[in-house]
Amino acid sequence: DFLVLPGKIDFPSSEVTLTSKLTKNITLNAPFVSSPMDTVT
């Protein structure tokens, strides 16, 4: 239902860091979590 409007590019995409918190105490290097389903994980 929506889009994010573009900004200004003054850096290569390789400089973008994707670290993010999973919990208060655990940080991931990529914000990806696989679902606890018996046909997935």
ModelCIF file with pLDDT and N, C-alpha, C, O atoms, coordinates in Angstrom:
data_MODEL
#
_entry.id   MODEL 
#
_entity.id                         1 
_entity.type                       polymer 
_entity.pdbx_number_of_molecules   1 
#
_entity_poly.entity_id                      1 
_entity_poly.type                           'polypeptide(L)' 
_entity_poly.nstd_linkage                   no 
_entity_poly.nstd_monomer                   no 
_entity_poly.pdbx_seq_one_letter_code       DFLVLPGKIDFPSSEVTLTSKLTKNITLNAPFVSSPMDTVT 
_entity_poly.pdbx_seq_one_letter_code_can   DFLVLPGKIDFPSSEVTLTSKLTKNITLNAPFVSSPMDTVT 
_entity_poly.pdbx_strand_id                 A 
#
loop_
_entity_poly_seq.entity_id 
_entity_poly_seq.num 
_entity_poly_seq.mon_id 
_entity_poly_seq.hetero 
1 1  ASP n 
1 2  PHE n 
1 3  LEU n 
1 4  VAL n 
1 5  LEU n 
1 6  PRO n 
1 7  GLY n 
1 8  LYS n 
1 9  ILE n 
1 10 ASP n 
1 11 PHE n 
1 12 PRO n 
1 13 SER n 
1 14 SER n 
1 15 GLU n 
1 16 VAL n 
1 17 THR n 
1 18 LEU n 
1 19 THR n 
1 20 SER n 
1 21 LYS n 
1 22 LEU n 
1 23 THR n 
1 24 LYS n 
1 25 ASN n 
1 26 ILE n 
1 27 THR n 
1 28 LEU n 
1 29 ASN n 
1 30 ALA n 
1 31 PRO n 
1 32 PHE n 
1 33 VAL n 
1 34 SER n 
1 35 SER n 
1 36 PRO n 
1 37 MET n 
1 38 ASP n 
1 39 THR n 
1 40 VAL n 
1 41 THR n 
#
_struct_asym.id          A 
_struct_asym.entity_id   1 
#
loop_
_ma_qa_metric.id 
_ma_qa_metric.mode 
_ma_qa_metric.name 
_ma_qa_metric.software_group_id 
_ma_qa_metric.type 
1 global pLDDT . pLDDT 
2 local  pLDDT . pLDDT 
#
_ma_qa_metric_global.metric_id      1 
_ma_qa_metric_global.metric_value   95.41 
_ma_qa_metric_global.model_id       1 
_ma_qa_metric_global.ordinal_id     1 
#
loop_
_ma_qa_metric_local.label_asym_id 
_ma_qa_metric_local.label_comp_id 
_ma_qa_metric_local.label_seq_id 
_ma_qa_metric_local.metric_id 
_ma_qa_metric_local.metric_value 
_ma_qa_metric_local.model_id 
_ma_qa_metric_local.ordinal_id 
A ASP 1  2 94.00 1 1  
A PHE 2  2 96.00 1 2  
A LEU 3  2 96.00 1 3  
A VAL 4  2 97.00 1 4  
A LEU 5  2 97.00 1 5  
A PRO 6  2 96.00 1 6  
A GLY 7  2 95.00 1 7  
A LYS 8  2 93.00 1 8  
A ILE 9  2 95.00 1 9  
A ASP 10 2 94.00 1 10 
A PHE 11 2 96.00 1 11 
A PRO 12 2 96.00 1 12 
A SER 13 2 95.00 1 13 
A SER 14 2 95.00 1 14 
A GLU 15 2 96.00 1 15 
A VAL 16 2 97.00 1 16 
A THR 17 2 97.00 1 17 
A LEU 18 2 97.00 1 18 
A THR 19 2 97.00 1 19 
A SER 20 2 97.00 1 20 
A LYS 21 2 97.00 1 21 
A LEU 22 2 98.00 1 22 
A THR 23 2 97.00 1 23 
A LYS 24 2 97.00 1 24 
A ASN 25 2 96.00 1 25 
A ILE 26 2 96.00 1 26 
A THR 27 2 96.00 1 27 
A LEU 28 2 97.00 1 28 
A ASN 29 2 96.00 1 29 
A ALA 30 2 97.00 1 30 
A PRO 31 2 98.00 1 31 
A PHE 32 2 98.00 1 32 
A VAL 33 2 97.00 1 33 
A SER 34 2 96.00 1 34 
A SER 35 2 94.00 1 35 
A PRO 36 2 95.00 1 36 
A MET 37 2 91.00 1 37 
A ASP 38 2 87.00 1 38 
A THR 39 2 88.00 1 39 
A VAL 40 2 91.00 1 40 
A THR 41 2 94.00 1 41 
#
loop_
_atom_site.group_PDB 
_atom_site.id 
_atom_site.type_symbol 
_atom_site.label_atom_id 
_atom_site.label_alt_id 
_atom_site.label_comp_id 
_atom_site.label_asym_id 
_atom_site.label_entity_id 
_atom_site.label_seq_id 
_atom_site.pdbx_PDB_ins_code 
_atom_site.Cartn_x 
_atom_site.Cartn_y 
_atom_site.Cartn_z 
_atom_site.occupancy 
_atom_site.B_iso_or_equiv 
_atom_site.pdbx_formal_charge 
_atom_site.auth_seq_id 
_atom_site.auth_comp_id 
_atom_site.auth_asym_id 
_atom_site.auth_atom_id 
_atom_site.pdbx_PDB_model_num 
ATOM 1   N N  . ASP A 1 1  ? 0.795  -1.226  0.000  1.00 94.00 ? 1  ASP A N  1 
ATOM 2   C CA . ASP A 1 1  ? 0.000  0.000   0.000  1.00 94.00 ? 1  ASP A CA 1 
ATOM 3   C C  . ASP A 1 1  ? 0.830  1.280   0.000  1.00 94.00 ? 1  ASP A C  1 
ATOM 4   O O  . ASP A 1 1  ? 0.265  2.372   -0.070 1.00 94.00 ? 1  ASP A O  1 
ATOM 5   N N  . PHE A 1 2  ? 2.149  1.174   0.077  1.00 96.00 ? 2  PHE A N  1 
ATOM 6   C CA . PHE A 1 2  ? 2.967  2.390   0.121  1.00 96.00 ? 2  PHE A CA 1 
ATOM 7   C C  . PHE A 1 2  ? 4.356  2.137   -0.457 1.00 96.00 ? 2  PHE A C  1 
ATOM 8   O O  . PHE A 1 2  ? 4.763  0.993   -0.659 1.00 96.00 ? 2  PHE A O  1 
ATOM 9   N N  . LEU A 1 3  ? 5.066  3.217   -0.715 1.00 96.00 ? 3  LEU A N  1 
ATOM 10  C CA . LEU A 1 3  ? 6.452  3.180   -1.168 1.00 96.00 ? 3  LEU A CA 1 
ATOM 11  C C  . LEU A 1 3  ? 7.292  4.109   -0.297 1.00 96.00 ? 3  LEU A C  1 
ATOM 12  O O  . LEU A 1 3  ? 6.770  5.043   0.311  1.00 96.00 ? 3  LEU A O  1 
ATOM 13  N N  . VAL A 1 4  ? 8.594  3.846   -0.243 1.00 97.00 ? 4  VAL A N  1 
ATOM 14  C CA . VAL A 1 4  ? 9.530  4.754   0.401  1.00 97.00 ? 4  VAL A CA 1 
ATOM 15  C C  . VAL A 1 4  ? 10.097 5.657   -0.689 1.00 97.00 ? 4  VAL A C  1 
ATOM 16  O O  . VAL A 1 4  ? 10.526 5.169   -1.734 1.00 97.00 ? 4  VAL A O  1 
ATOM 17  N N  . LEU A 1 5  ? 10.105 6.944   -0.462 1.00 97.00 ? 5  LEU A N  1 
ATOM 18  C CA . LEU A 1 5  ? 10.622 7.870   -1.467 1.00 97.00 ? 5  LEU A CA 1 
ATOM 19  C C  . LEU A 1 5  ? 12.155 7.825   -1.496 1.00 97.00 ? 5  LEU A C  1 
ATOM 20  O O  . LEU A 1 5  ? 12.786 7.653   -0.453 1.00 97.00 ? 5  LEU A O  1 
ATOM 21  N N  . PRO A 1 6  ? 12.750 7.976   -2.670 1.00 96.00 ? 6  PRO A N  1 
ATOM 22  C CA . PRO A 1 6  ? 14.212 7.911   -2.784 1.00 96.00 ? 6  PRO A CA 1 
ATOM 23  C C  . PRO A 1 6  ? 14.894 9.130   -2.179 1.00 96.00 ? 6  PRO A C  1 
ATOM 24  O O  . PRO A 1 6  ? 14.309 10.209  -2.086 1.00 96.00 ? 6  PRO A O  1 
ATOM 25  N N  . GLY A 1 7  ? 16.155 8.932   -1.768 1.00 95.00 ? 7  GLY A N  1 
ATOM 26  C CA . GLY A 1 7  ? 16.973 10.029  -1.245 1.00 95.00 ? 7  GLY A CA 1 
ATOM 27  C C  . GLY A 1 7  ? 18.132 10.309  -2.178 1.00 95.00 ? 7  GLY A C  1 
ATOM 28  O O  . GLY A 1 7  ? 17.996 10.179  -3.395 1.00 95.00 ? 7  GLY A O  1 
ATOM 29  N N  . LYS A 1 8  ? 19.268 10.693  -1.625 1.00 93.00 ? 8  LYS A N  1 
ATOM 30  C CA . LYS A 1 8  ? 20.445 11.027  -2.427 1.00 93.00 ? 8  LYS A CA 1 
ATOM 31  C C  . LYS A 1 8  ? 21.500 9.932   -2.283 1.00 93.00 ? 8  LYS A C  1 
ATOM 32  O O  . LYS A 1 8  ? 21.809 9.496   -1.174 1.00 93.00 ? 8  LYS A O  1 
ATOM 33  N N  . ILE A 1 9  ? 22.040 9.500   -3.404 1.00 95.00 ? 9  ILE A N  1 
ATOM 34  C CA . ILE A 1 9  ? 23.082 8.470   -3.402 1.00 95.00 ? 9  ILE A CA 1 
ATOM 35  C C  . ILE A 1 9  ? 24.447 9.149   -3.479 1.00 95.00 ? 9  ILE A C  1 
ATOM 36  O O  . ILE A 1 9  ? 24.757 9.810   -4.470 1.00 95.00 ? 9  ILE A O  1 
ATOM 37  N N  . ASP A 1 10 ? 25.257 8.986   -2.442 1.00 94.00 ? 10 ASP A N  1 
ATOM 38  C CA . ASP A 1 10 ? 26.630 9.490   -2.469 1.00 94.00 ? 10 ASP A CA 1 
ATOM 39  C C  . ASP A 1 10 ? 27.592 8.457   -1.874 1.00 94.00 ? 10 ASP A C  1 
ATOM 40  O O  . ASP A 1 10 ? 28.618 8.811   -1.293 1.00 94.00 ? 10 ASP A O  1 
ATOM 41  N N  . PHE A 1 11 ? 27.241 7.165   -2.028 1.00 96.00 ? 11 PHE A N  1 
ATOM 42  C CA . PHE A 1 11 ? 28.065 6.070   -1.517 1.00 96.00 ? 11 PHE A CA 1 
ATOM 43  C C  . PHE A 1 11 ? 27.701 4.796   -2.268 1.00 96.00 ? 11 PHE A C  1 
ATOM 44  O O  . PHE A 1 11 ? 26.575 4.672   -2.751 1.00 96.00 ? 11 PHE A O  1 
ATOM 45  N N  . PRO A 1 12 ? 28.625 3.847   -2.377 1.00 96.00 ? 12 PRO A N  1 
ATOM 46  C CA . PRO A 1 12 ? 28.312 2.568   -3.037 1.00 96.00 ? 12 PRO A CA 1 
ATOM 47  C C  . PRO A 1 12 ? 27.451 1.688   -2.129 1.00 96.00 ? 12 PRO A C  1 
ATOM 48  O O  . PRO A 1 12 ? 27.508 1.815   -0.906 1.00 96.00 ? 12 PRO A O  1 
ATOM 49  N N  . SER A 1 13 ? 26.667 0.812   -2.715 1.00 95.00 ? 13 SER A N  1 
ATOM 50  C CA . SER A 1 13 ? 25.780 -0.049  -1.929 1.00 95.00 ? 13 SER A CA 1 
ATOM 51  C C  . SER A 1 13 ? 26.563 -0.975  -1.005 1.00 95.00 ? 13 SER A C  1 
ATOM 52  O O  . SER A 1 13 ? 26.046 -1.399  0.029  1.00 95.00 ? 13 SER A O  1 
ATOM 53  N N  . SER A 1 14 ? 27.799 -1.291  -1.364 1.00 95.00 ? 14 SER A N  1 
ATOM 54  C CA . SER A 1 14 ? 28.607 -2.194  -0.544 1.00 95.00 ? 14 SER A CA 1 
ATOM 55  C C  . SER A 1 14 ? 28.922 -1.601  0.828  1.00 95.00 ? 14 SER A C  1 
ATOM 56  O O  . SER A 1 14 ? 29.294 -2.335  1.743  1.00 95.00 ? 14 SER A O  1 
ATOM 57  N N  . GLU A 1 15 ? 28.780 -0.291  0.983  1.00 96.00 ? 15 GLU A N  1 
ATOM 58  C CA . GLU A 1 15 ? 29.047 0.346   2.265  1.00 96.00 ? 15 GLU A CA 1 
ATOM 59  C C  . GLU A 1 15 ? 27.882 0.221   3.245  1.00 96.00 ? 15 GLU A C  1 
ATOM 60  O O  . GLU A 1 15 ? 28.032 0.534   4.426  1.00 96.00 ? 15 GLU A O  1 
ATOM 61  N N  . VAL A 1 16 ? 26.739 -0.227  2.773  1.00 97.00 ? 16 VAL A N  1 
ATOM 62  C CA . VAL A 1 16 ? 25.566 -0.323  3.636  1.00 97.00 ? 16 VAL A CA 1 
ATOM 63  C C  . VAL A 1 16 ? 25.730 -1.506  4.593  1.00 97.00 ? 16 VAL A C  1 
ATOM 64  O O  . VAL A 1 16 ? 25.948 -2.634  4.149  1.00 97.00 ? 16 VAL A O  1 
ATOM 65  N N  . THR A 1 17 ? 25.629 -1.262  5.887  1.00 97.00 ? 17 THR A N  1 
ATOM 66  C CA . THR A 1 17 ? 25.713 -2.336  6.883  1.00 97.00 ? 17 THR A CA 1 
ATOM 67  C C  . THR A 1 17 ? 24.313 -2.742  7.302  1.00 97.00 ? 17 THR A C  1 
ATOM 68  O O  . THR A 1 17 ? 23.439 -1.898  7.500  1.00 97.00 ? 17 THR A O  1 
ATOM 69  N N  . LEU A 1 18 ? 24.111 -4.040  7.434  1.00 97.00 ? 18 LEU A N  1 
ATOM 70  C CA . LEU A 1 18 ? 22.781 -4.571  7.719  1.00 97.00 ? 18 LEU A CA 1 
ATOM 71  C C  . LEU A 1 18 ? 22.687 -5.211  9.099  1.00 97.00 ? 18 LEU A C  1 
ATOM 72  O O  . LEU A 1 18 ? 21.778 -6.001  9.356  1.00 97.00 ? 18 LEU A O  1 
ATOM 73  N N  . THR A 1 19 ? 23.617 -4.878  9.986  1.00 97.00 ? 19 THR A N  1 
ATOM 74  C CA . THR A 1 19 ? 23.538 -5.416  11.347 1.00 97.00 ? 19 THR A CA 1 
ATOM 75  C C  . THR A 1 19 ? 22.290 -4.880  12.035 1.00 97.00 ? 19 THR A C  1 
ATOM 76  O O  . THR A 1 19 ? 21.911 -3.723  11.851 1.00 97.00 ? 19 THR A O  1 
ATOM 77  N N  . SER A 1 20 ? 21.663 -5.732  12.825 1.00 97.00 ? 20 SER A N  1 
ATOM 78  C CA . SER A 1 20 ? 20.434 -5.334  13.509 1.00 97.00 ? 20 SER A CA 1 
ATOM 79  C C  . SER A 1 20 ? 20.192 -6.251  14.698 1.00 97.00 ? 20 SER A C  1 
ATOM 80  O O  . SER A 1 20 ? 20.680 -7.381  14.736 1.00 97.00 ? 20 SER A O  1 
ATOM 81  N N  . LYS A 1 21 ? 19.443 -5.760  15.654 1.00 97.00 ? 21 LYS A N  1 
ATOM 82  C CA . LYS A 1 21 ? 19.159 -6.516  16.870 1.00 97.00 ? 21 LYS A CA 1 
ATOM 83  C C  . LYS A 1 21 ? 18.053 -7.557  16.635 1.00 97.00 ? 21 LYS A C  1 
ATOM 84  O O  . LYS A 1 21 ? 17.011 -7.258  16.050 1.00 97.00 ? 21 LYS A O  1 
ATOM 85  N N  . LEU A 1 22 ? 18.304 -8.765  17.098 1.00 98.00 ? 22 LEU A N  1 
ATOM 86  C CA . LEU A 1 22 ? 17.254 -9.787  17.154 1.00 98.00 ? 22 LEU A CA 1 
ATOM 87  C C  . LEU A 1 22 ? 16.518 -9.673  18.478 1.00 98.00 ? 22 LEU A C  1 
ATOM 88  O O  . LEU A 1 22 ? 15.288 -9.688  18.529 1.00 98.00 ? 22 LEU A O  1 
ATOM 89  N N  . THR A 1 23 ? 17.295 -9.561  19.547 1.00 97.00 ? 23 THR A N  1 
ATOM 90  C CA . THR A 1 23 ? 16.762 -9.375  20.892 1.00 97.00 ? 23 THR A CA 1 
ATOM 91  C C  . THR A 1 23 ? 17.584 -8.287  21.578 1.00 97.00 ? 23 THR A C  1 
ATOM 92  O O  . THR A 1 23 ? 18.463 -7.682  20.964 1.00 97.00 ? 23 THR A O  1 
ATOM 93  N N  . LYS A 1 24 ? 17.298 -8.047  22.838 1.00 97.00 ? 24 LYS A N  1 
ATOM 94  C CA . LYS A 1 24 ? 18.074 -7.062  23.588 1.00 97.00 ? 24 LYS A CA 1 
ATOM 95  C C  . LYS A 1 24 ? 19.560 -7.401  23.598 1.00 97.00 ? 24 LYS A C  1 
ATOM 96  O O  . LYS A 1 24 ? 20.404 -6.505  23.620 1.00 97.00 ? 24 LYS A O  1 
ATOM 97  N N  . ASN A 1 25 ? 19.881 -8.701  23.582 1.00 96.00 ? 25 ASN A N  1 
ATOM 98  C CA . ASN A 1 25 ? 21.263 -9.140  23.781 1.00 96.00 ? 25 ASN A CA 1 
ATOM 99  C C  . ASN A 1 25 ? 21.913 -9.800  22.573 1.00 96.00 ? 25 ASN A C  1 
ATOM 100 O O  . ASN A 1 25 ? 23.103 -10.113 22.612 1.00 96.00 ? 25 ASN A O  1 
ATOM 101 N N  . ILE A 1 26 ? 21.158 -10.017 21.501 1.00 96.00 ? 26 ILE A N  1 
ATOM 102 C CA . ILE A 1 26 ? 21.684 -10.725 20.333 1.00 96.00 ? 26 ILE A CA 1 
ATOM 103 C C  . ILE A 1 26 ? 21.591 -9.825  19.114 1.00 96.00 ? 26 ILE A C  1 
ATOM 104 O O  . ILE A 1 26 ? 20.522 -9.303  18.795 1.00 96.00 ? 26 ILE A O  1 
ATOM 105 N N  . THR A 1 27 ? 22.729 -9.644  18.428 1.00 96.00 ? 27 THR A N  1 
ATOM 106 C CA . THR A 1 27 ? 22.793 -8.849  17.203 1.00 96.00 ? 27 THR A CA 1 
ATOM 107 C C  . THR A 1 27 ? 23.146 -9.758  16.039 1.00 96.00 ? 27 THR A C  1 
ATOM 108 O O  . THR A 1 27 ? 24.024 -10.613 16.153 1.00 96.00 ? 27 THR A O  1 
ATOM 109 N N  . LEU A 1 28 ? 22.462 -9.571  14.921 1.00 97.00 ? 28 LEU A N  1 
ATOM 110 C CA . LEU A 1 28 ? 22.729 -10.337 13.709 1.00 97.00 ? 28 LEU A CA 1 
ATOM 111 C C  . LEU A 1 28 ? 23.403 -9.446  12.674 1.00 97.00 ? 28 LEU A C  1 
ATOM 112 O O  . LEU A 1 28 ? 23.219 -8.229  12.681 1.00 97.00 ? 28 LEU A O  1 
ATOM 113 N N  . ASN A 1 29 ? 24.182 -10.054 11.789 1.00 96.00 ? 29 ASN A N  1 
ATOM 114 C CA . ASN A 1 29 ? 24.809 -9.312  10.697 1.00 96.00 ? 29 ASN A CA 1 
ATOM 115 C C  . ASN A 1 29 ? 23.883 -9.135  9.506  1.00 96.00 ? 29 ASN A C  1 
ATOM 116 O O  . ASN A 1 29 ? 24.168 -8.337  8.613  1.00 96.00 ? 29 ASN A O  1 
ATOM 117 N N  . ALA A 1 30 ? 22.789 -9.864  9.483  1.00 97.00 ? 30 ALA A N  1 
ATOM 118 C CA . ALA A 1 30 ? 21.762 -9.721  8.457  1.00 97.00 ? 30 ALA A CA 1 
ATOM 119 C C  . ALA A 1 30 ? 20.406 -9.889  9.145  1.00 97.00 ? 30 ALA A C  1 
ATOM 120 O O  . ALA A 1 30 ? 20.270 -10.767 9.998  1.00 97.00 ? 30 ALA A O  1 
ATOM 121 N N  . PRO A 1 31 ? 19.400 -9.082  8.807  1.00 98.00 ? 31 PRO A N  1 
ATOM 122 C CA . PRO A 1 31 ? 18.136 -9.078  9.560  1.00 98.00 ? 31 PRO A CA 1 
ATOM 123 C C  . PRO A 1 31 ? 17.161 -10.170 9.132  1.00 98.00 ? 31 PRO A C  1 
ATOM 124 O O  . PRO A 1 31 ? 15.960 -9.922  9.016  1.00 98.00 ? 31 PRO A O  1 
ATOM 125 N N  . PHE A 1 32 ? 17.672 -11.378 8.898  1.00 98.00 ? 32 PHE A N  1 
ATOM 126 C CA . PHE A 1 32 ? 16.864 -12.453 8.340  1.00 98.00 ? 32 PHE A CA 1 
ATOM 127 C C  . PHE A 1 32 ? 16.679 -13.583 9.348  1.00 98.00 ? 32 PHE A C  1 
ATOM 128 O O  . PHE A 1 32 ? 17.650 -14.077 9.922  1.00 98.00 ? 32 PHE A O  1 
ATOM 129 N N  . VAL A 1 33 ? 15.433 -13.986 9.560  1.00 97.00 ? 33 VAL A N  1 
ATOM 130 C CA . VAL A 1 33 ? 15.091 -15.048 10.499 1.00 97.00 ? 33 VAL A CA 1 
ATOM 131 C C  . VAL A 1 33 ? 14.182 -16.037 9.786  1.00 97.00 ? 33 VAL A C  1 
ATOM 132 O O  . VAL A 1 33 ? 13.195 -15.636 9.169  1.00 97.00 ? 33 VAL A O  1 
ATOM 133 N N  . SER A 1 34 ? 14.501 -17.320 9.864  1.00 96.00 ? 34 SER A N  1 
ATOM 134 C CA . SER A 1 34 ? 13.630 -18.322 9.246  1.00 96.00 ? 34 SER A CA 1 
ATOM 135 C C  . SER A 1 34 ? 12.579 -18.778 10.250 1.00 96.00 ? 34 SER A C  1 
ATOM 136 O O  . SER A 1 34 ? 12.854 -18.929 11.441 1.00 96.00 ? 34 SER A O  1 
ATOM 137 N N  . SER A 1 35 ? 11.376 -18.992 9.745  1.00 94.00 ? 35 SER A N  1 
ATOM 138 C CA . SER A 1 35 ? 10.210 -19.266 10.582 1.00 94.00 ? 35 SER A CA 1 
ATOM 139 C C  . SER A 1 35 ? 10.241 -20.680 11.173 1.00 94.00 ? 35 SER A C  1 
ATOM 140 O O  . SER A 1 35 ? 10.704 -21.615 10.520 1.00 94.00 ? 35 SER A O  1 
ATOM 141 N N  . PRO A 1 36 ? 9.745  -20.836 12.416 1.00 95.00 ? 36 PRO A N  1 
ATOM 142 C CA . PRO A 1 36 ? 9.707  -22.176 13.040 1.00 95.00 ? 36 PRO A CA 1 
ATOM 143 C C  . PRO A 1 36 ? 8.536  -23.000 12.519 1.00 95.00 ? 36 PRO A C  1 
ATOM 144 O O  . PRO A 1 36 ? 7.581  -23.269 13.247 1.00 95.00 ? 36 PRO A O  1 
ATOM 145 N N  . MET A 1 37 ? 8.618  -23.395 11.267 1.00 91.00 ? 37 MET A N  1 
ATOM 146 C CA . MET A 1 37 ? 7.586  -24.207 10.619 1.00 91.00 ? 37 MET A CA 1 
ATOM 147 C C  . MET A 1 37 ? 8.210  -25.519 10.177 1.00 91.00 ? 37 MET A C  1 
ATOM 148 O O  . MET A 1 37 ? 9.382  -25.562 9.804  1.00 91.00 ? 37 MET A O  1 
ATOM 149 N N  . ASP A 1 38 ? 7.431  -26.583 10.218 1.00 87.00 ? 38 ASP A N  1 
ATOM 150 C CA . ASP A 1 38 ? 8.024  -27.892 9.937  1.00 87.00 ? 38 ASP A CA 1 
ATOM 151 C C  . ASP A 1 38 ? 8.315  -28.126 8.462  1.00 87.00 ? 38 ASP A C  1 
ATOM 152 O O  . ASP A 1 38 ? 8.888  -29.156 8.106  1.00 87.00 ? 38 ASP A O  1 
ATOM 153 N N  . THR A 1 39 ? 7.933  -27.190 7.596  1.00 88.00 ? 39 THR A N  1 
ATOM 154 C CA . THR A 1 39 ? 8.343  -27.262 6.192  1.00 88.00 ? 39 THR A CA 1 
ATOM 155 C C  . THR A 1 39 ? 9.332  -26.148 5.851  1.00 88.00 ? 39 THR A C  1 
ATOM 156 O O  . THR A 1 39 ? 9.587  -25.873 4.678  1.00 88.00 ? 39 THR A O  1 
ATOM 157 N N  . VAL A 1 40 ? 9.892  -25.502 6.894  1.00 91.00 ? 40 VAL A N  1 
ATOM 158 C CA . VAL A 1 40 ? 10.854 -24.415 6.662  1.00 91.00 ? 40 VAL A CA 1 
ATOM 159 C C  . VAL A 1 40 ? 12.160 -24.638 7.413  1.00 91.00 ? 40 VAL A C  1 
ATOM 160 O O  . VAL A 1 40 ? 13.227 -24.661 6.800  1.00 91.00 ? 40 VAL A O  1 
ATOM 161 N N  . THR A 1 41 ? 12.091 -24.802 8.741  1.00 94.00 ? 41 THR A N  1 
ATOM 162 C CA . THR A 1 41 ? 13.343 -24.774 9.512  1.00 94.00 ? 41 THR A CA 1 
ATOM 163 C C  . THR A 1 41 ? 13.586 -26.016 10.353 1.00 94.00 ? 41 THR A C  1 
ATOM 164 O O  . THR A 1 41 ? 14.602 -26.107 11.041 1.00 94.00 ? 41 THR A O  1 
#
